[in-house]
């Protein structure tokens, strides 16, 4: 399993647009075989940080999902929310492997 951790710098004045962007990607990750662990948004005070975590069974499965970027109309529409609103200022993607509690 591989988990993608995406750290965002967002425009706090455009949080509603970011939430629409996030909801669209949750659906797309699930639709294409991933497990979305959620978006984590600012909770108190002024903050421009947000985070998303989602997992795929393997890097190959993630790469199959990524191959749809810019091609699949639903992926294009989800990115359009970000691009047209300017809700995301920057993001950084890191791949991690989870160490889970033993059953």
Protein backbone atom coordinates (compact mmCIF):
# COMPACT_ATOMS: atom_id res chain seq x y z
CA UNK A 1 0.00 0.00 0.00
CA UNK A 2 1.12 3.53 -0.77
CA UNK A 3 -0.37 6.65 0.80
CA UNK A 4 -0.21 10.01 -0.86
CA UNK A 5 0.00 12.95 1.55
CA UNK A 6 -0.78 16.28 -0.07
CA UNK A 7 -0.01 19.44 1.88
CA UNK A 8 -1.77 22.52 0.56
CA UNK A 9 -1.32 26.23 1.05
CA UNK A 10 -4.77 27.62 0.39
CA UNK A 11 -6.42 31.01 0.18
CA UNK A 12 -8.50 31.12 3.41
CA UNK A 13 -10.94 33.52 1.75
CA UNK A 14 -11.74 30.78 -0.78
CA UNK A 15 -12.36 27.89 1.61
CA UNK A 16 -15.76 27.09 0.04
CA UNK A 17 -14.12 26.62 -3.37
CA UNK A 18 -11.44 24.45 -1.78
CA UNK A 19 -14.13 22.29 -0.15
CA UNK A 20 -15.84 21.82 -3.55
CA UNK A 21 -12.46 20.89 -5.07
CA UNK A 22 -11.83 18.43 -2.21
CA UNK A 23 -15.24 16.77 -2.51
CA UNK A 24 -14.70 16.23 -6.23
CA UNK A 25 -11.33 14.53 -5.63
CA UNK A 26 -12.68 12.31 -2.85
CA UNK A 27 -15.19 10.91 -5.35
CA UNK A 28 -12.54 10.44 -8.06
CA UNK A 29 -10.06 8.64 -5.80
CA UNK A 30 -12.76 6.24 -4.64
CA UNK A 31 -14.11 5.74 -8.17
CA UNK A 32 -10.66 4.76 -9.45
CA UNK A 33 -9.72 2.23 -6.79
CA UNK A 34 -8.22 4.33 -4.01
CA UNK A 35 -9.20 4.85 -0.41
CA UNK A 36 -9.57 8.50 0.55
CA UNK A 37 -8.82 9.21 4.20
CA UNK A 38 -10.17 12.75 3.98
CA UNK A 39 -9.15 16.35 3.71
CA UNK A 40 -8.09 18.13 6.86
CA UNK A 41 -8.96 21.82 6.84
CA UNK A 42 -8.20 24.72 9.15
CA UNK A 43 -10.29 24.36 12.29
CA UNK A 44 -9.57 27.44 14.39
CA UNK A 45 -8.08 30.81 13.74
CA UNK A 46 -6.60 32.08 10.51
CA UNK A 47 -4.73 29.37 8.69
CA UNK A 48 -3.73 28.71 5.12
CA UNK A 49 -2.84 25.03 5.58
CA UNK A 50 -4.84 22.00 4.53
CA UNK A 51 -3.96 18.35 3.97
CA UNK A 52 -5.30 15.31 2.15
CA UNK A 53 -4.42 11.64 2.56
CA UNK A 54 -5.41 8.83 0.23
CA UNK A 55 -4.07 5.37 -0.48
CA UNK A 56 -3.77 2.97 -3.38
CA UNK A 57 -2.85 -0.70 -3.22
CA UNK A 58 0.41 -0.03 -5.08
CA UNK A 59 2.36 2.66 -6.88
CA UNK A 60 1.25 1.06 -10.16
CA UNK A 61 -2.41 1.48 -9.15
CA UNK A 62 -1.74 5.12 -8.27
CA UNK A 63 -0.02 5.66 -11.62
CA UNK A 64 -3.05 4.22 -13.46
CA UNK A 65 -5.22 6.75 -11.61
CA UNK A 66 -2.77 9.58 -12.43
CA UNK A 67 -2.88 8.66 -16.14
CA UNK A 68 -6.43 10.07 -16.19
CA UNK A 69 -5.30 13.59 -15.21
CA UNK A 70 -5.94 16.07 -17.99
CA UNK A 71 -7.73 13.39 -20.04
CA UNK A 72 -10.84 12.24 -18.18
CA UNK A 73 -13.57 14.94 -18.22
CA UNK A 74 -14.30 14.50 -14.49
CA UNK A 75 -10.62 15.02 -13.63
CA UNK A 76 -10.49 18.11 -15.84
CA UNK A 77 -13.64 19.49 -14.18
CA UNK A 78 -12.22 18.91 -10.68
CA UNK A 79 -9.00 20.71 -11.57
CA UNK A 80 -11.01 23.55 -13.11
CA UNK A 81 -12.50 24.28 -9.66
CA UNK A 82 -8.99 24.83 -8.30
CA UNK A 83 -7.70 26.73 -11.31
CA UNK A 84 -10.65 29.08 -11.78
CA UNK A 85 -11.12 29.87 -8.08
CA UNK A 86 -7.46 30.23 -7.13
CA UNK A 87 -8.21 28.41 -3.87
CA UNK A 88 -4.91 26.48 -3.94
CA UNK A 89 -1.77 28.61 -3.83
CA UNK A 90 0.73 25.72 -3.59
CA UNK A 91 0.83 22.04 -2.85
CA UNK A 92 3.40 19.38 -2.17
CA UNK A 93 2.87 15.65 -2.66
CA UNK A 94 4.71 12.99 -0.63
CA UNK A 95 4.34 9.22 -0.83
CA UNK A 96 4.47 7.23 2.37
CA UNK A 97 3.83 3.69 3.49
CA UNK A 98 1.67 3.21 6.55
CA UNK A 99 2.81 1.28 9.60
CA UNK A 100 -0.46 0.09 11.08
CA UNK A 101 -1.18 -1.46 14.49
CA UNK A 102 -1.03 -5.23 14.53
CA UNK A 103 -4.39 -6.93 14.82
